Amino acid sequence: MNILYDERVDGPLPSVDKPALLAALREALPDLDILHRSEDLKPYECDGLSAYRTLPLLVALPERLEQVQALLRLCHQRGVPVVARGTGTGLSGGALPLSQGILLVMARFNRILEVNPQGRFARVQPGVRNLAISQTAAPHGLYYAPDPSSQIACSIGGNVAENAGGVHCLKYGLTVHNLLKVEILTVEGERLTLGSDALDSPGFDLLALFTGSEGMLGIVTEVTVKLLPRPQVARVLLASFANVEHAGRAVADIIAAGIIPAGLEMMDNLAIRAAEAFIHAGYPVDAAAILLCELDGVEADVHDDCARVDAVLRQAGAREVRLACDEAERVRFWAGRKNAFPAVGRISPDYYCMDGTIPRRELPRVLAGISQLSETYGLRVANVFHAGDGNMHPLILFDANLPGELERAEALGGRILELCVAVGGSITGEHGVGREKINQMCAQFNSDEITLFHAVKAAFDPRGLLNPGKNIPTLQRCAEFGALHVHHGQLPFPDLERF
């Protein structure tokens, strides 16, 4: 039911003369590394969503800004599509290449240009790893707050493209809240600066518009991020529950008590058992669900908040609440959560990681809905999510070697996202739309809104050459999506009241 690129809906990509394009690039950029043989292109056929693969026409590996500018100008002149890619850890097919386009890999732009302790900012190139920023800033007592689970590998340029979050985004915000300035190249190779070194800049907030635009509006060439002082102390409580719904209600109770944790994460039993077998974090494997709640700040405030959260958790029905006894145990608790995805990969041949966001009050109902959908589709679902801000990551377990299971996993994933929309949520929280969720955009937005999105895209990229076919569906696609769901009795979500 999730049609990705479909020529009947989106129209065929224009054919590109590969030998002529390669010759032109080599003439204009003799020092640019270009991959063109199929065996060299194979490693770039997908991003972190490996279920969808396309062999790119060519792969360009620039090292200098001038090379990127010249490549963009040449592709613009010839009408050749360009897809930007960082380290390829994205999970929505946002960096999926095009068979008739160039994959522009920015991984070699990997220098940290400046760390300014007085101004509390860092200037970095887009290929710099997320974690490397905090490691470089650590001697100054500073760090970069957004911490996606892939932070050891993901690039800051990709974080900007997807507006990445992480386990601490509840208190410290997403990527968009931690940026000062982004340098970009337009589709024609023109240099633009969005934002400024100050906390605000005049005119429209193009920095916020660009963040999360998934490579459709321009190419990131430099990022200035905010740095924060390391908290004096951080403590983590682990609460176990015999009932998933009670754990969901505890999340709302903590926020209602006026407490904003640095991180508030939830895992269900399947995810708990997988993570414990992999990391040995000390999780209670017989619990239906656990909550990890981190509180940070000055010693006195954290001590008081830990006592308040402990009381709220027990009142909500927690059967056990444990405070990490030292820093080593705190790190282990988080290691289990941050390695939940690869841990689930050890218990299933394949898994499909979803990303939707819901109002916190709807957490118990949506969890019940996911359980029902899991039974309907006959596929197990492990739930791991940023419970504090309602960003869910259901992991659908399947075996791609069994006929029809991938399609069933896709259909289940689509239904989960539509459930998120039905309760007032969104189809994504941090992974982006890419190719994966493009149909569900039709469930969340009406035709007028989608037309407006296309107008914004056209203002930056009139010919539609930057990452085409991603993020924004065509109106024809939405018409076919709606007709398909009406035919199956699935739109609007028919059984919401059951959950």
Protein backbone atom coordinates (compact mmCIF):
# COMPACT_ATOMS: atom_id res chain seq x y z
CA MET A 1 0.00 0.00 0.00
CA ASN A 2 3.01 2.30 0.39
CA ILE A 3 3.89 3.12 -3.22
CA LEU A 4 7.30 4.75 -3.35
CA TYR A 5 8.46 6.02 -6.73
CA ASP A 6 5.74 5.16 -9.21
CA GLU A 7 5.98 6.47 -12.76
CA ARG A 8 2.20 6.39 -13.11
CA VAL A 9 1.92 8.92 -10.28
CA ASP A 10 5.11 10.96 -10.30
CA GLY A 11 6.11 10.76 -13.94
CA PRO A 12 9.32 9.20 -15.24
CA LEU A 13 12.67 10.81 -14.50
CA PRO A 14 14.30 12.37 -17.54
CA SER A 15 17.02 10.23 -19.06
CA VAL A 16 20.59 11.49 -18.59
CA ASP A 17 23.45 10.71 -20.97
CA LYS A 18 25.86 9.23 -18.45
CA PRO A 19 29.04 9.20 -20.61
CA ALA A 20 28.46 12.79 -21.72
CA LEU A 21 27.78 13.96 -18.14
CA LEU A 22 30.85 12.16 -16.83
CA ALA A 23 33.02 13.69 -19.56
CA ALA A 24 31.68 17.17 -18.82
CA LEU A 25 32.33 16.80 -15.09
CA ARG A 26 35.87 15.57 -15.67
CA GLU A 27 36.58 18.45 -17.99
CA ALA A 28 35.18 21.07 -15.63
CA LEU A 29 36.47 19.43 -12.43
CA PRO A 30 39.53 17.30 -13.19
CA ASP A 31 40.41 16.97 -9.48
CA LEU A 32 36.92 15.86 -8.35
CA ASP A 33 36.60 12.20 -7.34
CA ILE A 34 33.69 10.69 -9.28
CA LEU A 35 32.50 7.10 -8.97
CA HIS A 36 30.80 5.66 -12.03
CA ARG A 37 31.34 1.88 -12.14
CA SER A 38 28.49 -0.20 -10.73
CA GLU A 39 30.71 -1.96 -8.16
CA ASP A 40 31.82 1.44 -6.83
CA LEU A 41 28.27 2.81 -6.77
CA LYS A 42 26.82 -0.16 -4.89
CA PRO A 43 27.74 1.05 -1.35
CA TYR A 44 25.70 4.20 -1.96
CA GLU A 45 22.47 2.56 -3.13
CA CYS A 46 20.58 3.30 0.12
CA ASP A 47 20.72 5.20 3.38
CA GLY A 48 19.86 3.72 6.78
CA LEU A 49 16.49 2.56 5.42
CA SER A 50 18.03 -0.32 3.53
CA ALA A 51 14.72 -1.82 2.39
CA TYR A 52 14.71 0.72 -0.46
CA ARG A 53 17.65 0.75 -2.86
CA THR A 54 18.52 2.55 -6.08
CA LEU A 55 21.88 2.58 -7.83
CA PRO A 56 22.91 6.22 -8.45
CA LEU A 57 23.97 7.37 -11.89
CA LEU A 58 27.19 8.87 -10.50
CA VAL A 59 28.63 9.59 -7.05
CA ALA A 60 30.61 12.80 -6.50
CA LEU A 61 33.00 13.11 -3.53
CA PRO A 62 34.04 16.78 -3.30
CA GLU A 63 36.51 18.18 -0.79
CA ARG A 64 36.26 21.90 -1.53
CA LEU A 65 33.41 24.38 -1.72
CA GLU A 66 34.41 25.42 -5.25
CA GLN A 67 33.95 21.85 -6.47
CA VAL A 68 30.41 21.72 -5.09
CA GLN A 69 29.59 25.08 -6.67
CA ALA A 70 30.86 24.04 -10.08
CA LEU A 71 29.04 20.70 -9.93
CA LEU A 72 25.75 22.35 -9.01
CA ARG A 73 26.10 24.90 -11.83
CA LEU A 74 26.83 22.20 -14.38
CA CYS A 75 23.93 20.02 -13.21
CA HIS A 76 21.60 23.01 -13.25
CA GLN A 77 22.59 23.84 -16.82
CA ARG A 78 22.03 20.24 -17.94
CA GLY A 79 18.89 19.61 -15.87
CA VAL A 80 20.51 16.79 -13.88
CA PRO A 81 18.97 16.02 -10.45
CA VAL A 82 21.25 16.12 -7.38
CA VAL A 83 20.74 14.28 -4.08
CA ALA A 84 22.91 15.36 -1.14
CA ARG A 85 24.16 12.75 1.33
CA GLY A 86 26.17 12.90 4.55
CA THR A 87 27.15 9.68 6.30
CA GLY A 88 23.99 7.87 5.19
CA THR A 89 22.47 7.13 8.62
CA GLY A 90 19.04 8.59 7.77
CA LEU A 91 16.03 6.32 8.28
CA SER A 92 13.42 7.67 5.86
CA GLY A 93 15.06 7.26 2.46
CA GLY A 94 15.87 10.97 2.34
CA ALA A 95 19.30 10.27 0.86
CA LEU A 96 18.07 7.50 -1.45
CA PRO A 97 19.83 8.19 -4.77
CA LEU A 98 18.24 8.53 -8.19
CA SER A 99 19.04 6.27 -11.10
CA GLN A 100 19.16 9.37 -13.33
CA GLY A 101 20.87 11.74 -10.91
CA ILE A 102 24.11 12.54 -9.09
CA LEU A 103 24.63 11.59 -5.48
CA LEU A 104 26.59 14.44 -3.87
CA VAL A 105 28.41 13.02 -0.84
CA MET A 106 29.54 15.72 1.61
CA ALA A 107 31.32 13.38 4.03
CA ARG A 108 34.79 14.78 3.25
CA PHE A 109 33.74 18.19 4.58
CA ASN A 110 34.62 16.97 8.07
CA ARG A 111 36.59 19.77 9.75
CA ILE A 112 35.66 21.59 12.94
CA LEU A 113 36.53 25.15 11.93
CA GLU A 114 36.15 26.93 15.27
CA VAL A 115 35.14 26.36 18.87
CA ASN A 116 34.44 29.62 20.69
CA PRO A 117 34.07 29.10 24.46
CA GLN A 118 33.27 32.76 25.15
CA GLY A 119 30.51 32.92 22.54
CA ARG A 120 29.50 29.32 23.25
CA PHE A 121 29.34 28.26 19.63
CA ALA A 122 31.17 26.05 17.15
CA ARG A 123 31.55 26.40 13.37
CA VAL A 124 31.72 23.06 11.62
CA GLN A 125 31.57 21.59 8.15
CA PRO A 126 28.54 19.42 7.30
CA GLY A 127 30.43 16.11 7.36
CA VAL A 128 31.47 16.48 11.02
CA ARG A 129 30.01 13.76 13.23
CA ASN A 130 27.48 14.89 15.82
CA LEU A 131 29.41 13.42 18.76
CA ALA A 132 32.71 14.92 17.57
CA ILE A 133 31.39 18.42 18.33
CA SER A 134 30.82 17.59 22.00
CA GLN A 135 34.14 15.76 22.22
CA THR A 136 35.98 18.81 20.87
CA ALA A 137 34.08 21.21 23.14
CA ALA A 138 34.49 19.06 26.27
CA PRO A 139 37.81 20.63 27.45
CA HIS A 140 35.93 23.93 27.70
CA GLY A 141 33.15 22.40 29.80
CA LEU A 142 30.73 22.67 26.88
CA TYR A 143 28.75 20.28 24.68
CA TYR A 144 26.27 20.15 21.78
CA ALA A 145 22.86 19.11 23.13
CA PRO A 146 21.00 17.22 20.31
CA ASP A 147 22.04 13.58 20.63
CA PRO A 148 20.38 11.19 18.18
CA SER A 149 21.02 7.52 18.84
CA SER A 150 23.29 7.48 15.79
CA GLN A 151 25.37 10.40 17.11
CA ILE A 152 28.59 8.42 16.95
CA ALA A 153 28.20 8.26 13.15
CA CYS A 154 25.62 10.75 11.88
CA SER A 155 26.79 14.03 10.35
CA ILE A 156 25.69 17.50 11.41
CA GLY A 157 24.67 18.34 7.84
CA GLY A 158 22.28 15.41 7.88
CA ASN A 159 21.03 16.49 11.32
CA VAL A 160 20.17 19.90 9.85
CA ALA A 161 18.47 18.30 6.84
CA GLU A 162 16.25 16.11 9.02
CA ASN A 163 15.98 18.38 12.11
CA ALA A 164 17.32 15.52 14.23
CA GLY A 165 16.48 15.24 17.93
CA GLY A 166 17.66 12.67 20.44
CA VAL A 167 17.00 11.44 23.95
CA HIS A 168 17.60 14.87 25.51
CA CYS A 169 15.45 16.92 23.12
CA LEU A 170 12.61 17.27 25.65
CA LYS A 171 14.56 19.85 27.67
CA TYR A 172 17.15 21.08 25.17
CA GLY A 173 15.25 21.00 21.90
CA LEU A 174 15.80 19.66 18.39
CA THR A 175 18.51 20.68 15.94
CA VAL A 176 16.54 23.79 14.93
CA HIS A 177 16.68 25.08 18.52
CA ASN A 178 20.46 24.67 18.69
CA LEU A 179 21.56 26.47 15.51
CA LEU A 180 22.78 30.01 14.99
CA LYS A 181 23.68 30.00 11.32
CA VAL A 182 23.87 27.77 8.26
CA GLU A 183 25.84 28.45 5.08
CA ILE A 184 24.27 26.90 2.01
CA LEU A 185 24.62 26.68 -1.75
CA THR A 186 21.53 27.07 -3.89
CA VAL A 187 20.77 24.78 -6.82
CA GLU A 188 22.61 27.30 -9.03
CA GLY A 189 25.70 27.30 -6.81
CA GLU A 190 25.00 30.67 -5.18
CA ARG A 191 26.23 31.10 -1.59
CA LEU A 192 23.66 32.12 1.04
CA THR A 193 23.85 32.66 4.80
CA LEU A 194 20.76 31.78 6.82
CA GLY A 195 20.65 33.07 10.40
CA SER A 196 23.47 35.03 11.99
CA ASP A 197 26.04 34.98 14.80
CA ALA A 198 23.47 36.82 16.94
CA LEU A 199 20.51 35.08 18.58
CA ASP A 200 18.14 36.66 16.07
CA SER A 201 18.32 38.13 12.59
CA PRO A 202 16.00 40.41 10.59
CA GLY A 203 13.59 39.23 7.93
CA PHE A 204 11.89 35.89 7.57
CA ASP A 205 13.25 33.02 9.66
CA LEU A 206 14.76 31.14 6.73
CA LEU A 207 17.03 29.20 9.07
CA ALA A 208 14.02 27.49 10.64
CA LEU A 209 12.49 26.94 7.20
CA PHE A 210 15.65 25.32 5.88
CA THR A 211 16.18 23.10 8.93
CA GLY A 212 14.33 19.86 8.23
CA SER A 213 13.95 20.59 4.50
CA GLU A 214 15.67 17.28 3.63
CA GLY A 215 18.07 18.58 0.99
CA MET A 216 15.27 20.01 -1.16
CA LEU A 217 16.13 23.71 -0.82
CA GLY A 218 19.94 23.81 -0.90
CA ILE A 219 23.21 22.14 0.06
CA VAL A 220 24.61 22.70 3.56
CA THR A 221 28.28 23.77 3.49
CA GLU A 222 28.84 25.10 7.03
CA VAL A 223 26.92 25.04 10.31
CA THR A 224 27.26 27.22 13.41
CA VAL A 225 25.82 25.44 16.44
CA LYS A 226 25.15 26.59 19.97
CA LEU A 227 27.17 25.02 22.76
CA LEU A 228 25.85 24.59 26.29
CA PRO A 229 27.72 24.28 29.61
CA ARG A 230 27.85 20.78 30.98
CA PRO A 231 25.33 20.35 33.83
CA GLN A 232 26.95 20.10 37.26
CA VAL A 233 25.18 16.83 37.92
CA ALA A 234 22.90 14.37 36.10
CA ARG A 235 20.89 11.56 37.66
CA VAL A 236 18.77 8.86 36.02
CA LEU A 237 15.82 7.02 37.49
CA LEU A 238 14.66 3.72 36.01
CA ALA A 239 11.04 2.83 36.71
CA SER A 240 9.48 -0.51 35.79
CA PHE A 241 5.78 -1.09 35.19
CA ALA A 242 3.60 -4.17 34.95
CA ASN A 243 1.34 -2.34 32.51
CA VAL A 244 2.34 -0.37 29.39
CA GLU A 245 -0.58 2.02 29.70
CA HIS A 246 0.40 2.92 33.27
CA ALA A 247 3.89 3.78 32.06
CA GLY A 248 2.35 6.00 29.38
CA ARG A 249 0.22 7.82 31.95
CA ALA A 250 3.26 8.33 34.19
CA VAL A 251 4.86 10.37 31.42
CA ALA A 252 1.99 12.86 31.40
CA ASP A 253 1.98 12.93 35.21
CA ILE A 254 5.64 13.97 35.34
CA ILE A 255 5.13 16.86 32.94
CA ALA A 256 1.89 17.85 34.70
CA ALA A 257 3.85 18.09 37.95
CA GLY A 258 5.87 20.92 36.41
CA ILE A 259 9.04 18.85 36.01
CA ILE A 260 10.94 19.01 32.70
CA PRO A 261 13.45 16.16 32.62
CA ALA A 262 16.54 16.30 30.41
CA GLY A 263 15.32 13.02 28.94
CA LEU A 264 12.25 10.85 29.40
CA GLU A 265 12.34 7.59 27.46
CA MET A 266 10.11 4.54 27.34
CA MET A 267 10.65 0.96 26.17
CA ASP A 268 8.22 -1.97 26.11
CA ASN A 269 9.01 -5.55 27.07
CA LEU A 270 10.20 -6.73 23.67
CA ALA A 271 12.61 -3.80 23.42
CA ILE A 272 13.72 -4.25 27.04
CA ARG A 273 14.61 -7.90 26.55
CA ALA A 274 16.46 -7.23 23.30
CA ALA A 275 18.48 -4.35 24.77
CA GLU A 276 19.33 -6.22 27.96
CA ALA A 277 20.56 -9.27 26.06
CA PHE A 278 22.77 -7.00 23.93
CA ILE A 279 24.06 -4.34 26.36
CA HIS A 280 23.46 -5.83 29.86
CA ALA A 281 22.25 -2.47 31.09
CA GLY A 282 20.53 -3.89 34.17
CA TYR A 283 16.98 -3.63 32.84
CA PRO A 284 14.20 -5.70 34.48
CA VAL A 285 13.38 -8.17 31.71
CA ASP A 286 10.04 -9.15 33.24
CA ALA A 287 8.66 -5.59 33.14
CA ALA A 288 5.93 -4.72 30.65
CA ALA A 289 7.56 -1.31 30.23
CA ILE A 290 10.29 0.89 31.69
CA LEU A 291 10.78 4.63 31.86
CA LEU A 292 14.20 6.28 31.96
CA CYS A 293 14.02 9.76 33.44
CA GLU A 294 17.15 11.92 33.56
CA LEU A 295 17.28 15.10 35.64
CA ASP A 296 20.20 17.49 35.43
CA GLY A 297 21.32 20.85 36.80
CA VAL A 298 22.73 21.89 40.16
CA GLU A 299 23.02 19.31 42.93
CA ALA A 300 20.28 20.67 45.21
CA ASP A 301 17.68 21.02 42.44
CA VAL A 302 18.40 17.58 40.98
CA HIS A 303 18.17 15.97 44.41
CA ASP A 304 14.74 17.52 45.01
CA ASP A 305 13.48 16.71 41.51
CA CYS A 306 14.57 13.06 41.84
CA ALA A 307 12.49 12.74 45.00
CA ARG A 308 9.47 14.36 43.31
CA VAL A 309 9.74 12.16 40.20
CA ASP A 310 10.14 9.05 42.36
CA ALA A 311 6.88 9.91 44.12
CA VAL A 312 5.05 10.60 40.84
CA LEU A 313 6.23 7.32 39.31
CA ARG A 314 5.13 5.26 42.32
CA GLN A 315 1.78 7.04 42.42
CA ALA A 316 1.36 6.21 38.70
CA GLY A 317 1.82 2.50 39.44
CA ALA A 318 5.56 1.83 39.08
CA ARG A 319 6.38 -1.42 40.77
CA GLU A 320 10.03 -0.44 41.23
CA VAL A 321 12.03 2.81 40.92
CA ARG A 322 15.83 2.73 40.87
CA LEU A 323 18.23 5.65 40.95
CA ALA A 324 21.50 5.01 39.09
CA CYS A 325 24.04 4.58 41.88
CA ASP A 326 26.93 6.17 39.99
CA GLU A 327 27.98 7.62 36.63
CA ALA A 328 28.86 4.18 35.25
CA GLU A 329 25.34 2.88 35.88
CA ARG A 330 23.81 6.06 34.43
CA VAL A 331 25.82 5.49 31.24
CA ARG A 332 24.71 1.84 31.13
CA PHE A 333 21.05 2.79 31.47
CA TRP A 334 21.38 5.14 28.49
CA ALA A 335 23.50 2.69 26.51
CA GLY A 336 20.65 0.19 26.59
CA ARG A 337 18.23 2.78 25.22
CA LYS A 338 20.59 4.16 22.58
CA ASN A 339 21.39 0.66 21.33
CA ALA A 340 17.79 -0.51 21.23
CA PHE A 341 17.66 -0.43 17.43
CA PRO A 342 20.68 -2.69 16.80
CA ALA A 343 19.56 -4.83 19.74
CA VAL A 344 16.23 -5.53 18.05
CA GLY A 345 18.20 -6.38 14.90
CA ARG A 346 19.66 -9.34 16.80
CA ILE A 347 16.25 -10.94 17.38
CA SER A 348 14.73 -10.48 13.93
CA PRO A 349 16.09 -10.91 10.39
CA ASP A 350 14.80 -7.41 9.56
CA TYR A 351 13.08 -4.52 11.28
CA TYR A 352 11.36 -1.39 10.05
CA CYS A 353 11.86 1.65 12.28
CA MET A 354 8.91 4.03 12.30
CA ASP A 355 8.89 7.64 13.52
CA GLY A 356 5.69 9.41 14.50
CA THR A 357 4.73 11.97 17.11
CA ILE A 358 1.60 12.17 19.23
CA PRO A 359 0.25 14.36 22.05
CA ARG A 360 1.47 12.92 25.35
CA ARG A 361 -2.10 12.48 26.60
CA GLU A 362 -2.75 10.03 23.76
CA LEU A 363 0.16 7.73 24.60
CA PRO A 364 -1.89 4.96 26.31
CA ARG A 365 -4.49 4.90 23.52
CA VAL A 366 -1.91 4.84 20.72
CA LEU A 367 0.06 2.05 22.41
CA ALA A 368 -3.15 0.03 22.61
CA GLY A 369 -3.80 0.81 18.95
CA ILE A 370 -0.32 -0.33 17.91
CA SER A 371 -0.86 -3.58 19.82
CA GLN A 372 -4.13 -4.17 17.96
CA LEU A 373 -2.56 -3.37 14.60
CA SER A 374 0.35 -5.70 15.40
CA GLU A 375 -2.14 -8.56 15.87
CA THR A 376 -4.07 -7.62 12.74
CA TYR A 377 -0.96 -7.67 10.53
CA GLY A 378 0.67 -10.63 12.31
CA LEU A 379 3.96 -8.83 12.95
CA ARG A 380 5.67 -8.12 16.26
CA VAL A 381 6.29 -4.49 17.22
CA ALA A 382 8.89 -3.31 19.74
CA ASN A 383 8.15 0.17 21.07
CA VAL A 384 11.01 2.56 21.84
CA PHE A 385 10.40 6.28 22.01
CA HIS A 386 11.09 9.73 23.36
CA ALA A 387 8.08 9.59 25.62
CA GLY A 388 8.48 13.10 27.02
CA ASP A 389 7.76 14.80 23.70
CA GLY A 390 5.59 12.04 22.25
CA ASN A 391 8.06 10.98 19.56
CA MET A 392 7.47 7.25 19.01
CA HIS A 393 9.75 4.75 17.28
CA PRO A 394 7.80 1.51 16.82
CA LEU A 395 10.12 -1.16 15.43
CA ILE A 396 8.24 -3.57 13.18
CA LEU A 397 9.93 -7.00 13.07
CA PHE A 398 9.74 -8.98 9.84
CA ASP A 399 11.66 -11.26 7.50
CA ALA A 400 12.21 -9.84 4.02
CA ASN A 401 13.01 -13.33 2.77
CA LEU A 402 9.39 -14.38 3.31
CA PRO A 403 7.14 -13.36 0.41
CA GLY A 404 4.90 -10.43 1.27
CA GLU A 405 6.38 -9.63 4.71
CA LEU A 406 8.12 -6.41 3.64
CA GLU A 407 4.89 -5.18 2.06
CA ARG A 408 2.98 -6.14 5.21
CA ALA A 409 5.50 -4.27 7.36
CA GLU A 410 5.14 -1.20 5.13
CA ALA A 411 1.35 -1.35 5.36
CA LEU A 412 1.48 -1.71 9.16
CA GLY A 413 3.90 1.21 9.38
CA GLY A 414 1.58 3.37 7.31
CA ARG A 415 -1.37 2.51 9.55
CA ILE A 416 0.61 3.43 12.66
CA LEU A 417 1.46 6.82 11.17
CA GLU A 418 -2.15 7.39 10.20
CA LEU A 419 -3.14 6.55 13.78
CA CYS A 420 -0.70 9.22 14.98
CA VAL A 421 -2.37 11.77 12.69
CA ALA A 422 -5.85 10.67 13.80
CA VAL A 423 -5.09 11.51 17.46
CA GLY A 424 -3.69 14.94 16.57
CA GLY A 425 -0.04 14.02 16.02
CA SER A 426 2.39 14.00 13.14
CA ILE A 427 3.91 11.43 10.77
CA THR A 428 7.45 12.33 11.86
CA GLY A 429 9.36 13.72 14.79
CA GLU A 430 12.98 13.57 13.70
CA HIS A 431 13.54 11.06 10.89
CA GLY A 432 11.93 13.18 8.19
CA VAL A 433 9.57 12.16 5.40
CA GLY A 434 11.96 11.23 2.60
CA ARG A 435 10.51 8.53 0.37
CA GLU A 436 9.26 6.40 3.25
CA LYS A 437 6.36 8.56 4.47
CA ILE A 438 5.47 10.48 1.34
CA ASN A 439 2.08 8.78 1.07
CA GLN A 440 1.22 9.59 4.68
CA MET A 441 1.83 13.29 3.91
CA CYS A 442 -1.47 12.95 2.06
CA ALA A 443 -3.13 11.82 5.30
CA GLN A 444 -1.80 14.78 7.28
CA PHE A 445 -2.12 17.70 4.83
CA ASN A 446 -4.82 18.83 2.44
CA SER A 447 -4.31 19.82 -1.19
CA ASP A 448 -4.01 23.55 -0.42
CA GLU A 449 -1.25 22.92 2.11
CA ILE A 450 0.63 20.60 -0.24
CA THR A 451 0.35 23.19 -3.01
CA LEU A 452 1.92 25.74 -0.65
CA PHE A 453 4.78 23.34 0.11
CA HIS A 454 5.44 23.01 -3.61
CA ALA A 455 5.48 26.81 -3.91
CA VAL A 456 8.15 27.07 -1.19
CA LYS A 457 10.19 24.39 -2.95
CA ALA A 458 9.87 26.25 -6.27
CA ALA A 459 11.08 29.51 -4.70
CA PHE A 460 14.43 27.86 -3.96
CA ASP A 461 14.54 25.27 -6.75
CA PRO A 462 12.22 26.19 -9.65
CA ARG A 463 13.23 23.23 -11.81
CA GLY A 464 12.92 20.70 -9.00
CA LEU A 465 16.45 19.33 -9.31
CA LEU A 466 17.35 19.03 -5.61
CA ASN A 467 16.30 15.69 -4.14
CA PRO A 468 13.19 15.32 -6.34
CA GLY A 469 10.47 12.85 -5.41
CA LYS A 470 11.02 13.22 -1.68
CA ASN A 471 9.15 14.85 1.20
CA ILE A 472 6.27 16.49 -0.73
CA PRO A 473 3.83 14.30 -2.67
CA THR A 474 2.20 15.34 -5.92
CA LEU A 475 -1.50 16.09 -5.80
CA GLN A 476 -2.06 13.17 -8.15
CA ARG A 477 -0.29 10.86 -5.72
CA CYS A 478 -2.54 12.08 -2.91
CA ALA A 479 -5.62 11.51 -5.03
CA GLU A 480 -4.55 7.91 -5.70
CA PHE A 481 -3.59 7.41 -2.05
CA GLY A 482 -7.00 8.62 -0.88
CA ALA A 483 -8.85 6.52 -3.44
CA LEU A 484 -6.88 3.43 -2.44
CA HIS A 485 -7.66 3.88 1.25
CA VAL A 486 -11.32 4.63 0.67
CA HIS A 487 -11.49 1.44 -1.40
CA HIS A 488 -10.07 -0.49 1.57
CA GLY A 489 -12.20 1.38 4.11
CA GLN A 490 -9.15 2.83 5.84
CA LEU A 491 -9.47 6.60 5.60
CA PRO A 492 -10.37 8.21 7.89
CA PHE A 493 -9.04 5.85 10.58
CA PRO A 494 -12.15 3.72 11.12
CA ASP A 495 -11.50 2.04 14.46
CA LEU A 496 -9.94 4.84 16.53
CA GLU A 497 -12.59 4.65 19.23
CA ARG A 498 -11.67 1.04 19.96
CA PHE A 499 -8.30 2.06 21.34
